[in-house]
Amino acid sequence: TQDHADEVARQLLVARAIESLPERARS
């Protein structure tokens, strides 16, 4: 269960970080 929770947290942070990139860099 903890591995699953850690993976969810990591995915959410990565998605949020990618959204913060400028448009060209994000692409």
PDB file of all heavy atoms in Angstrom:
ATOM      1  N   THR A   1       0.836  -1.191   0.000  1.00  0.00           N
ATOM      2  CA  THR A   1       0.000   0.000   0.000  1.00  0.00           C
ATOM      3  C   THR A   1       0.868   1.238   0.000  1.00  0.00           C
ATOM      4  O   THR A   1       0.578   2.212  -0.695  1.00  0.00           O
ATOM      5  CB  THR A   1      -0.910  -0.028   1.244  1.00  0.00           C
ATOM      6  OG1 THR A   1      -1.664  -1.231   1.208  1.00  0.00           O
ATOM      7  CG2 THR A   1      -1.838   1.153   1.273  1.00  0.00           C
ATOM      8  N   GLN A   2       1.954   1.230   0.761  1.00  0.00           N
ATOM      9  CA  GLN A   2       2.829   2.397   0.836  1.00  0.00           C
ATOM     10  C   GLN A   2       3.513   2.655  -0.498  1.00  0.00           C
ATOM     11  O   GLN A   2       3.638   3.805  -0.913  1.00  0.00           O
ATOM     12  CB  GLN A   2       3.880   2.227   1.936  1.00  0.00           C
ATOM     13  CG  GLN A   2       4.627   3.506   2.208  1.00  0.00           C
ATOM     14  CD  GLN A   2       3.701   4.675   2.478  1.00  0.00           C
ATOM     15  OE1 GLN A   2       2.801   4.586   3.301  1.00  0.00           O
ATOM     16  NE2 GLN A   2       3.885   5.767   1.766  1.00  0.00           N
ATOM     17  N   ASP A   3       3.938   1.591  -1.192  1.00  0.00           N
ATOM     18  CA  ASP A   3       4.543   1.780  -2.509  1.00  0.00           C
ATOM     19  C   ASP A   3       3.556   2.450  -3.453  1.00  0.00           C
ATOM     20  O   ASP A   3       3.916   3.341  -4.215  1.00  0.00           O
ATOM     21  CB  ASP A   3       4.990   0.446  -3.111  1.00  0.00           C
ATOM     22  CG  ASP A   3       6.200  -0.137  -2.401  1.00  0.00           C
ATOM     23  OD1 ASP A   3       6.886   0.595  -1.657  1.00  0.00           O
ATOM     24  OD2 ASP A   3       6.446  -1.348  -2.579  1.00  0.00           O
ATOM     25  N   HIS A   4       2.300   2.034  -3.393  1.00  0.00           N
ATOM     26  CA  HIS A   4       1.257   2.619  -4.237  1.00  0.00           C
ATOM     27  C   HIS A   4       1.067   4.096  -3.896  1.00  0.00           C
ATOM     28  O   HIS A   4       1.012   4.944  -4.779  1.00  0.00           O
ATOM     29  CB  HIS A   4      -0.058   1.852  -4.056  1.00  0.00           C
ATOM     30  CG  HIS A   4      -1.208   2.467  -4.777  1.00  0.00           C
ATOM     31  ND1 HIS A   4      -1.302   2.468  -6.147  1.00  0.00           N
ATOM     32  CD2 HIS A   4      -2.293   3.122  -4.309  1.00  0.00           C
ATOM     33  CE1 HIS A   4      -2.412   3.097  -6.497  1.00  0.00           C
ATOM     34  NE2 HIS A   4      -3.030   3.505  -5.401  1.00  0.00           N
ATOM     35  N   ALA A   5       0.991   4.416  -2.621  1.00  0.00           N
ATOM     36  CA  ALA A   5       0.802   5.803  -2.188  1.00  0.00           C
ATOM     37  C   ALA A   5       1.987   6.669  -2.612  1.00  0.00           C
ATOM     38  O   ALA A   5       1.811   7.802  -3.068  1.00  0.00           O
ATOM     39  CB  ALA A   5       0.607   5.873  -0.678  1.00  0.00           C
ATOM     40  N   ASP A   6       3.199   6.143  -2.472  1.00  0.00           N
ATOM     41  CA  ASP A   6       4.392   6.891  -2.885  1.00  0.00           C
ATOM     42  C   ASP A   6       4.370   7.154  -4.386  1.00  0.00           C
ATOM     43  O   ASP A   6       4.738   8.234  -4.844  1.00  0.00           O
ATOM     44  CB  ASP A   6       5.664   6.131  -2.513  1.00  0.00           C
ATOM     45  CG  ASP A   6       5.917   6.109  -1.012  1.00  0.00           C
ATOM     46  OD1 ASP A   6       5.288   6.889  -0.273  1.00  0.00           O
ATOM     47  OD2 ASP A   6       6.754   5.291  -0.582  1.00  0.00           O
ATOM     48  N   GLU A   7       3.955   6.169  -5.158  1.00  0.00           N
ATOM     49  CA  GLU A   7       3.895   6.326  -6.613  1.00  0.00           C
ATOM     50  C   GLU A   7       2.855   7.372  -7.003  1.00  0.00           C
ATOM     51  O   GLU A   7       3.091   8.197  -7.880  1.00  0.00           O
ATOM     52  CB  GLU A   7       3.581   4.974  -7.285  1.00  0.00           C
ATOM     53  CG  GLU A   7       3.490   5.039  -8.792  1.00  0.00           C
ATOM     54  CD  GLU A   7       4.782   5.482  -9.475  1.00  0.00           C
ATOM     55  OE1 GLU A   7       5.861   5.415  -8.877  1.00  0.00           O
ATOM     56  OE2 GLU A   7       4.693   5.930 -10.642  1.00  0.00           O
ATOM     57  N   VAL A   8       1.698   7.374  -6.339  1.00  0.00           N
ATOM     58  CA  VAL A   8       0.674   8.383  -6.616  1.00  0.00           C
ATOM     59  C   VAL A   8       1.223   9.772  -6.315  1.00  0.00           C
ATOM     60  O   VAL A   8       1.071  10.704  -7.117  1.00  0.00           O
ATOM     61  CB  VAL A   8      -0.613   8.111  -5.795  1.00  0.00           C
ATOM     62  CG1 VAL A   8      -1.571   9.285  -5.860  1.00  0.00           C
ATOM     63  CG2 VAL A   8      -1.299   6.844  -6.292  1.00  0.00           C
ATOM     64  N   ALA A   9       1.892   9.940  -5.185  1.00  0.00           N
ATOM     65  CA  ALA A   9       2.457  11.239  -4.814  1.00  0.00           C
ATOM     66  C   ALA A   9       3.494  11.684  -5.841  1.00  0.00           C
ATOM     67  O   ALA A   9       3.508  12.848  -6.264  1.00  0.00           O
ATOM     68  CB  ALA A   9       3.083  11.172  -3.426  1.00  0.00           C
ATOM     69  N   ARG A  10       4.354  10.778  -6.254  1.00  0.00           N
ATOM     70  CA  ARG A  10       5.384  11.109  -7.235  1.00  0.00           C
ATOM     71  C   ARG A  10       4.750  11.541  -8.563  1.00  0.00           C
ATOM     72  O   ARG A  10       5.133  12.542  -9.154  1.00  0.00           O
ATOM     73  CB  ARG A  10       6.312   9.915  -7.461  1.00  0.00           C
ATOM     74  CG  ARG A  10       7.529  10.247  -8.322  1.00  0.00           C
ATOM     75  CD  ARG A  10       8.331   9.017  -8.678  1.00  0.00           C
ATOM     76  NE  ARG A  10       7.611   8.103  -9.544  1.00  0.00           N
ATOM     77  CZ  ARG A  10       7.389   8.306 -10.848  1.00  0.00           C
ATOM     78  NH1 ARG A  10       7.812   9.396 -11.428  1.00  0.00           N
ATOM     79  NH2 ARG A  10       6.734   7.431 -11.582  1.00  0.00           N
ATOM     80  N   GLN A  11       3.739  10.800  -9.009  1.00  0.00           N
ATOM     81  CA  GLN A  11       3.083  11.134 -10.273  1.00  0.00           C
ATOM     82  C   GLN A  11       2.411  12.508 -10.208  1.00  0.00           C
ATOM     83  O   GLN A  11       2.476  13.281 -11.164  1.00  0.00           O
ATOM     84  CB  GLN A  11       2.052  10.071 -10.635  1.00  0.00           C
ATOM     85  CG  GLN A  11       2.668   8.771 -11.090  1.00  0.00           C
ATOM     86  CD  GLN A  11       1.643   7.673 -11.291  1.00  0.00           C
ATOM     87  OE1 GLN A  11       0.450   7.852 -11.054  1.00  0.00           O
ATOM     88  NE2 GLN A  11       2.098   6.511 -11.738  1.00  0.00           N
ATOM     89  N   LEU A  12       1.773  12.811  -9.093  1.00  0.00           N
ATOM     90  CA  LEU A  12       1.119  14.113  -8.945  1.00  0.00           C
ATOM     91  C   LEU A  12       2.136  15.248  -8.956  1.00  0.00           C
ATOM     92  O   LEU A  12       1.915  16.283  -9.588  1.00  0.00           O
ATOM     93  CB  LEU A  12       0.289  14.154  -7.660  1.00  0.00           C
ATOM     94  CG  LEU A  12      -0.988  13.308  -7.655  1.00  0.00           C
ATOM     95  CD1 LEU A  12      -1.583  13.254  -6.258  1.00  0.00           C
ATOM     96  CD2 LEU A  12      -1.992  13.864  -8.649  1.00  0.00           C
ATOM     97  N   LEU A  13       3.257  15.060  -8.270  1.00  0.00           N
ATOM     98  CA  LEU A  13       4.289  16.103  -8.249  1.00  0.00           C
ATOM     99  C   LEU A  13       4.925  16.293  -9.626  1.00  0.00           C
ATOM    100  O   LEU A  13       5.164  17.421 -10.054  1.00  0.00           O
ATOM    101  CB  LEU A  13       5.375  15.765  -7.229  1.00  0.00           C
ATOM    102  CG  LEU A  13       5.067  16.119  -5.787  1.00  0.00           C
ATOM    103  CD1 LEU A  13       6.202  15.662  -4.882  1.00  0.00           C
ATOM    104  CD2 LEU A  13       4.845  17.610  -5.622  1.00  0.00           C
ATOM    105  N   VAL A  14       5.181  15.195 -10.327  1.00  0.00           N
ATOM    106  CA  VAL A  14       5.766  15.295 -11.664  1.00  0.00           C
ATOM    107  C   VAL A  14       4.802  16.008 -12.609  1.00  0.00           C
ATOM    108  O   VAL A  14       5.195  16.917 -13.350  1.00  0.00           O
ATOM    109  CB  VAL A  14       6.155  13.901 -12.211  1.00  0.00           C
ATOM    110  CG1 VAL A  14       6.479  13.960 -13.698  1.00  0.00           C
ATOM    111  CG2 VAL A  14       7.344  13.335 -11.443  1.00  0.00           C
ATOM    112  N   ALA A  15       3.525  15.642 -12.563  1.00  0.00           N
ATOM    113  CA  ALA A  15       2.531  16.284 -13.430  1.00  0.00           C
ATOM    114  C   ALA A  15       2.451  17.777 -13.137  1.00  0.00           C
ATOM    115  O   ALA A  15       2.415  18.611 -14.055  1.00  0.00           O
ATOM    116  CB  ALA A  15       1.163  15.633 -13.248  1.00  0.00           C
ATOM    117  N   ARG A  16       2.457  18.131 -11.866  1.00  0.00           N
ATOM    118  CA  ARG A  16       2.389  19.548 -11.485  1.00  0.00           C
ATOM    119  C   ARG A  16       3.653  20.283 -11.934  1.00  0.00           C
ATOM    120  O   ARG A  16       3.600  21.402 -12.418  1.00  0.00           O
ATOM    121  CB  ARG A  16       2.225  19.679  -9.973  1.00  0.00           C
ATOM    122  CG  ARG A  16       1.966  21.105  -9.546  1.00  0.00           C
ATOM    123  CD  ARG A  16       1.552  21.164  -8.084  1.00  0.00           C
ATOM    124  NE  ARG A  16       1.045  22.471  -7.768  1.00  0.00           N
ATOM    125  CZ  ARG A  16       1.797  23.562  -7.631  1.00  0.00           C
ATOM    126  NH1 ARG A  16       3.083  23.493  -7.795  1.00  0.00           N
ATOM    127  NH2 ARG A  16       1.250  24.719  -7.340  1.00  0.00           N
ATOM    128  N   ALA A  17       4.806  19.635 -11.798  1.00  0.00           N
ATOM    129  CA  ALA A  17       6.065  20.249 -12.211  1.00  0.00           C
ATOM    130  C   ALA A  17       6.098  20.455 -13.724  1.00  0.00           C
ATOM    131  O   ALA A  17       6.539  21.504 -14.208  1.00  0.00           O
ATOM    132  CB  ALA A  17       7.245  19.395 -11.759  1.00  0.00           C
ATOM    133  N   ILE A  18       5.619  19.480 -14.483  1.00  0.00           N
ATOM    134  CA  ILE A  18       5.595  19.600 -15.943  1.00  0.00           C
ATOM    135  C   ILE A  18       4.666  20.739 -16.359  1.00  0.00           C
ATOM    136  O   ILE A  18       4.976  21.516 -17.260  1.00  0.00           O
ATOM    137  CB  ILE A  18       5.202  18.266 -16.610  1.00  0.00           C
ATOM    138  CG1 ILE A  18       6.359  17.264 -16.472  1.00  0.00           C
ATOM    139  CG2 ILE A  18       4.841  18.459 -18.081  1.00  0.00           C
ATOM    140  CD1 ILE A  18       6.042  15.858 -16.921  1.00  0.00           C
ATOM    141  N   GLU A  19       3.528  20.877 -15.681  1.00  0.00           N
ATOM    142  CA  GLU A  19       2.600  21.965 -15.990  1.00  0.00           C
ATOM    143  C   GLU A  19       3.234  23.330 -15.758  1.00  0.00           C
ATOM    144  O   GLU A  19       2.839  24.311 -16.384  1.00  0.00           O
ATOM    145  CB  GLU A  19       1.337  21.849 -15.138  1.00  0.00           C
ATOM    146  CG  GLU A  19       0.422  20.725 -15.556  1.00  0.00           C
ATOM    147  CD  GLU A  19      -0.732  20.529 -14.585  1.00  0.00           C
ATOM    148  OE1 GLU A  19      -0.987  21.418 -13.740  1.00  0.00           O
ATOM    149  OE2 GLU A  19      -1.383  19.481 -14.675  1.00  0.00           O
ATOM    150  N   SER A  20       4.222  23.416 -14.865  1.00  0.00           N
ATOM    151  CA  SER A  20       4.849  24.697 -14.547  1.00  0.00           C
ATOM    152  C   SER A  20       5.871  25.133 -15.598  1.00  0.00           C
ATOM    153  O   SER A  20       6.334  26.261 -15.576  1.00  0.00           O
ATOM    154  CB  SER A  20       5.526  24.635 -13.172  1.00  0.00           C
ATOM    155  OG  SER A  20       6.728  23.892 -13.244  1.00  0.00           O
ATOM    156  N   LEU A  21       6.229  24.238 -16.518  1.00  0.00           N
ATOM    157  CA  LEU A  21       7.219  24.567 -17.552  1.00  0.00           C
ATOM    158  C   LEU A  21       6.625  25.494 -18.606  1.00  0.00           C
ATOM    159  O   LEU A  21       5.421  25.435 -18.883  1.00  0.00           O
ATOM    160  CB  LEU A  21       7.701  23.288 -18.245  1.00  0.00           C
ATOM    161  CG  LEU A  21       8.484  22.289 -17.411  1.00  0.00           C
ATOM    162  CD1 LEU A  21       8.695  21.002 -18.192  1.00  0.00           C
ATOM    163  CD2 LEU A  21       9.811  22.878 -16.964  1.00  0.00           C
ATOM    164  N   PRO A  22       7.466  26.321 -19.246  1.00  0.00           N
ATOM    165  CA  PRO A  22       6.985  27.117 -20.383  1.00  0.00           C
ATOM    166  C   PRO A  22       6.479  26.176 -21.479  1.00  0.00           C
ATOM    167  O   PRO A  22       6.916  25.016 -21.565  1.00  0.00           O
ATOM    168  CB  PRO A  22       8.230  27.874 -20.844  1.00  0.00           C
ATOM    169  CG  PRO A  22       9.169  27.835 -19.678  1.00  0.00           C
ATOM    170  CD  PRO A  22       8.858  26.585 -18.921  1.00  0.00           C
ATOM    171  N   GLU A  23       5.610  26.678 -22.334  1.00  0.00           N
ATOM    172  CA  GLU A  23       4.929  25.839 -23.328  1.00  0.00           C
ATOM    173  C   GLU A  23       5.872  25.024 -24.202  1.00  0.00           C
ATOM    174  O   GLU A  23       5.696  23.816 -24.363  1.00  0.00           O
ATOM    175  CB  GLU A  23       4.016  26.705 -24.202  1.00  0.00           C
ATOM    176  CG  GLU A  23       3.168  25.888 -25.154  1.00  0.00           C
ATOM    177  CD  GLU A  23       2.229  26.745 -25.974  1.00  0.00           C
ATOM    178  OE1 GLU A  23       1.970  27.908 -25.594  1.00  0.00           O
ATOM    179  OE2 GLU A  23       1.766  26.249 -27.007  1.00  0.00           O
ATOM    180  N   ARG A  24       6.910  25.657 -24.785  1.00  0.00           N
ATOM    181  CA  ARG A  24       7.815  24.919 -25.670  1.00  0.00           C
ATOM    182  C   ARG A  24       8.572  23.841 -24.894  1.00  0.00           C
ATOM    183  O   ARG A  24       8.691  22.697 -25.340  1.00  0.00           O
ATOM    184  CB  ARG A  24       8.791  25.863 -26.358  1.00  0.00           C
ATOM    185  CG  ARG A  24       9.635  25.147 -27.424  1.00  0.00           C
ATOM    186  CD  ARG A  24      10.655  26.030 -28.076  1.00  0.00           C
ATOM    187  NE  ARG A  24      11.722  26.324 -27.125  1.00  0.00           N
ATOM    188  CZ  ARG A  24      12.525  27.362 -27.206  1.00  0.00           C
ATOM    189  NH1 ARG A  24      12.393  28.242 -28.179  1.00  0.00           N
ATOM    190  NH2 ARG A  24      13.475  27.557 -26.314  1.00  0.00           N
ATOM    191  N   ALA A  25       9.070  24.191 -23.708  1.00  0.00           N
ATOM    192  CA  ALA A  25       9.811  23.215 -22.899  1.00  0.00           C
ATOM    193  C   ALA A  25       8.900  22.049 -22.505  1.00  0.00           C
ATOM    194  O   ALA A  25       9.328  20.894 -22.509  1.00  0.00           O
ATOM    195  CB  ALA A  25      10.386  23.882 -21.658  1.00  0.00           C
ATOM    196  N   ARG A  26       7.653  22.355 -22.176  1.00  0.00           N
ATOM    197  CA  ARG A  26       6.695  21.301 -21.819  1.00  0.00           C
ATOM    198  C   ARG A  26       6.493  20.350 -23.002  1.00  0.00           C
ATOM    199  O   ARG A  26       6.497  19.131 -22.856  1.00  0.00           O
ATOM    200  CB  ARG A  26       5.369  21.926 -21.377  1.00  0.00           C
ATOM    201  CG  ARG A  26       4.375  20.917 -20.850  1.00  0.00           C
ATOM    202  CD  ARG A  26       3.122  21.540 -20.236  1.00  0.00           C
ATOM    203  NE  ARG A  26       2.524  22.572 -21.048  1.00  0.00           N
ATOM    204  CZ  ARG A  26       2.440  23.859 -20.701  1.00  0.00           C
ATOM    205  NH1 ARG A  26       2.930  24.287 -19.569  1.00  0.00           N
ATOM    206  NH2 ARG A  26       1.863  24.729 -21.509  1.00  0.00           N
ATOM    207  N   SER A  27       6.357  20.917 -24.213  1.00  0.00           N
ATOM    208  CA  SER A  27       6.193  20.082 -25.414  1.00  0.00           C
ATOM    209  C   SER A  27       7.409  19.202 -25.640  1.00  0.00           C
ATOM    210  O   SER A  27       7.278  18.014 -25.943  1.00  0.00           O
ATOM    211  CB  SER A  27       5.969  20.966 -26.650  1.00  0.00           C
ATOM    212  OG  SER A  27       4.778  21.688 -26.527  1.00  0.00           O
TER     213      SER A  27
END
